[in-house]
Protein backbone atom coordinates (compact mmCIF):
# COMPACT_ATOMS: atom_id res chain seq x y z
CA MET A 1 -143.74 -50.62 206.19
CA THR A 2 -141.04 -50.06 208.76
CA THR A 3 -137.28 -50.01 208.51
CA PRO A 4 -135.16 -52.28 210.73
CA GLY A 5 -134.61 -49.61 213.41
CA GLU A 6 -138.26 -48.56 213.79
CA PRO A 7 -140.78 -50.10 216.21
CA THR A 8 -143.45 -52.30 214.69
CA LYS A 9 -146.16 -51.83 217.33
CA LYS A 10 -147.75 -48.86 218.99
CA ILE A 11 -146.18 -47.87 222.29
CA ASP A 12 -148.16 -48.78 225.42
CA HIS A 13 -148.29 -45.60 227.52
CA THR A 14 -149.86 -47.20 230.62
CA ARG A 15 -147.73 -47.60 233.71
CA PRO A 16 -147.16 -51.04 235.18
CA LEU A 17 -149.17 -52.07 238.24
CA PRO A 18 -147.51 -51.44 241.62
CA ALA A 19 -146.00 -54.44 243.39
CA PRO A 20 -148.30 -56.12 245.93
CA PRO A 21 -147.61 -55.33 249.60
CA VAL A 22 -144.94 -57.55 251.08
CA GLY A 23 -145.79 -59.70 254.11
CA GLY A 24 -149.00 -60.99 255.65
CA ALA A 25 -150.75 -60.67 259.01
CA GLY A 26 -147.90 -62.25 260.99
CA SER A 27 -144.96 -60.53 259.31
CA PRO A 28 -142.94 -57.81 260.99
CA GLY A 29 -144.23 -54.30 260.43
CA THR A 30 -147.89 -55.29 260.51
CA ALA A 31 -149.88 -55.83 263.64
CA GLY A 32 -152.95 -57.44 262.16
CA PRO A 33 -156.45 -56.15 261.52
CA GLY A 34 -157.68 -53.45 263.85
CA VAL A 35 -154.37 -53.08 265.69
CA THR A 36 -152.13 -50.10 265.03
CA ASP A 37 -148.41 -50.46 264.73
CA ALA A 38 -146.03 -48.01 266.35
CA GLY A 39 -143.81 -47.91 263.22
CA PRO A 40 -143.93 -45.26 260.51
CA THR A 41 -147.07 -45.23 258.46
CA THR A 42 -147.11 -45.13 254.69
CA PRO A 43 -150.14 -44.59 252.52
CA ALA A 44 -151.64 -47.66 250.94
CA PRO A 45 -150.66 -48.15 247.31
CA PRO A 46 -153.40 -47.34 244.84
CA THR A 47 -155.33 -50.25 243.47
CA GLY A 48 -155.47 -50.70 239.72
CA PRO A 49 -153.30 -49.16 237.04
CA THR A 50 -151.96 -45.67 237.57
CA PRO A 51 -152.93 -43.28 234.75
CA PRO A 52 -150.00 -41.76 232.86
CA ALA A 53 -148.99 -38.20 233.57
CA GLY A 54 -150.56 -35.73 231.16
CA PRO A 55 -153.28 -36.42 228.64
CA ALA A 56 -153.63 -39.90 227.21
CA PRO A 57 -152.37 -40.30 223.63
CA ALA A 58 -155.91 -40.57 222.27
CA GLU A 59 -156.92 -37.34 224.05
CA ARG A 60 -154.10 -35.19 222.69
CA ARG A 61 -155.16 -32.34 220.47
CA ARG A 62 -154.71 -33.05 216.81
CA GLY A 63 -154.88 -30.81 213.80
CA VAL A 64 -153.88 -27.22 213.26
CA GLY A 65 -152.55 -25.31 216.24
CA TYR A 66 -153.82 -21.96 217.43
CA SER A 67 -150.64 -20.23 216.28
CA THR A 68 -151.50 -21.17 212.69
CA TYR A 69 -154.87 -19.46 213.01
CA ALA A 70 -153.24 -16.40 214.58
CA ILE A 71 -150.69 -16.14 211.76
CA THR A 72 -153.46 -16.55 209.16
CA VAL A 73 -155.48 -13.71 210.71
CA LEU A 74 -152.37 -11.52 210.86
CA VAL A 75 -151.57 -12.17 207.19
CA LEU A 76 -155.16 -11.40 206.20
CA LEU A 77 -155.07 -8.10 208.12
CA LEU A 78 -151.78 -7.13 206.48
CA THR A 79 -153.18 -8.04 203.06
CA ILE A 80 -156.30 -5.93 203.59
CA THR A 81 -154.15 -3.02 204.81
CA MET A 82 -151.91 -3.32 201.73
CA ILE A 83 -154.92 -3.40 199.38
CA VAL A 84 -156.40 -0.26 201.00
CA PHE A 85 -153.01 1.49 200.73
CA VAL A 86 -152.67 0.54 197.03
CA VAL A 87 -156.19 1.72 196.17
CA GLN A 88 -155.71 5.08 197.90
CA ASN A 89 -152.47 5.81 195.99
CA ASP A 90 -153.81 6.00 192.44
CA GLN A 91 -151.81 8.98 191.05
CA ARG A 92 -149.45 8.44 188.11
CA VAL A 93 -145.72 8.51 188.79
CA ASN A 94 -142.47 7.97 186.89
CA ILE A 95 -140.82 4.71 187.96
CA TRP A 96 -137.25 3.84 187.03
CA LEU A 97 -136.94 0.07 186.56
CA PHE A 98 -133.99 -1.83 185.07
CA GLY A 99 -132.51 1.24 183.38
CA SER A 100 -135.72 2.59 181.85
CA THR A 101 -138.34 5.04 183.07
CA HIS A 102 -142.02 4.11 183.02
CA ASN A 103 -144.99 6.39 183.69
CA MET A 104 -147.53 4.26 185.49
CA SER A 105 -150.04 4.26 188.30
CA LEU A 106 -148.55 4.07 191.78
CA ALA A 107 -151.24 1.51 192.71
CA GLY A 108 -150.11 -0.73 189.85
CA ALA A 109 -146.47 -0.43 190.88
CA LEU A 110 -147.29 -1.22 194.52
CA ALA A 111 -149.46 -4.19 193.51
CA ALA A 112 -146.74 -5.52 191.20
CA SER A 113 -144.08 -5.22 193.89
CA ALA A 114 -146.34 -6.96 196.42
CA ALA A 115 -147.02 -9.78 193.95
CA ALA A 116 -143.29 -10.12 193.21
CA GLY A 117 -142.56 -10.29 196.95
CA LEU A 118 -145.22 -12.98 197.38
CA VAL A 119 -143.79 -15.07 194.54
CA ILE A 120 -140.23 -14.75 195.86
CA GLY A 121 -141.35 -15.72 199.36
CA LEU A 122 -143.25 -18.75 198.06
CA LEU A 123 -140.23 -19.87 196.02
CA ILE A 124 -137.93 -19.61 199.04
CA GLY A 125 -140.42 -21.67 201.09
CA LEU A 126 -140.72 -24.20 198.27
CA ILE A 127 -136.95 -24.66 198.10
CA THR A 128 -136.83 -25.34 201.84
CA GLN A 129 -139.75 -27.76 201.61
CA ILE A 130 -138.11 -29.69 198.76
CA LYS A 131 -134.97 -30.11 200.87
CA VAL A 132 -136.97 -31.35 203.87
CA ARG A 133 -138.96 -33.80 201.73
CA LYS A 134 -135.75 -35.17 200.24
CA GLU A 135 -134.29 -35.75 203.73
CA LEU A 136 -137.52 -37.41 204.87
CA ARG A 137 -137.53 -39.69 201.82
CA GLN A 138 -133.90 -40.67 202.55
CA TYR A 139 -134.77 -41.30 206.20
CA ARG A 140 -137.68 -43.55 205.27
CA ARG A 141 -135.50 -45.53 202.87
CA GLY A 142 -132.80 -45.92 205.52
CA LYS A 143 -130.16 -43.92 203.62
CA HIS A 144 -130.11 -40.86 205.88
CA PRO A 145 -126.62 -39.96 207.27
CA ALA A 146 -127.98 -39.90 210.84
CA GLN A 147 -129.04 -43.54 210.49
CA GLN A 148 -125.67 -44.59 209.07
CA THR A 149 -123.82 -43.73 212.32
CA ARG A 150 -125.79 -46.19 214.47
């Protein structure tokens, strides 16, 4: 379903056909078949529709971009590096947390801090995503402030 300002059909990306050449065999600027004219020459217009610049809409790449794959690989490498670092640091240490001292494994403390960082990062991303979804819902319903100014 579309709102009043949105198009109802798909956009036709083909270019219009070029105008037919003006004039016939007896018109000025043409000398007839087989006879050359002394005037400036222009290339003949192409016959048929001219393809649009760039790839056609159906040929455009869809799906996940390469940057997403690169970021995923980078995150996996950092995760593996963090796991190796946590496993190698297994000695017991005193950790002061919220006014009290705890004697615990350094690997456990590092893993807990990494998990807390992951949860905090996901919550921050979730808050942003909720805001964007709310704006999109308002836009679809026609109540977005940007649509009100038109």
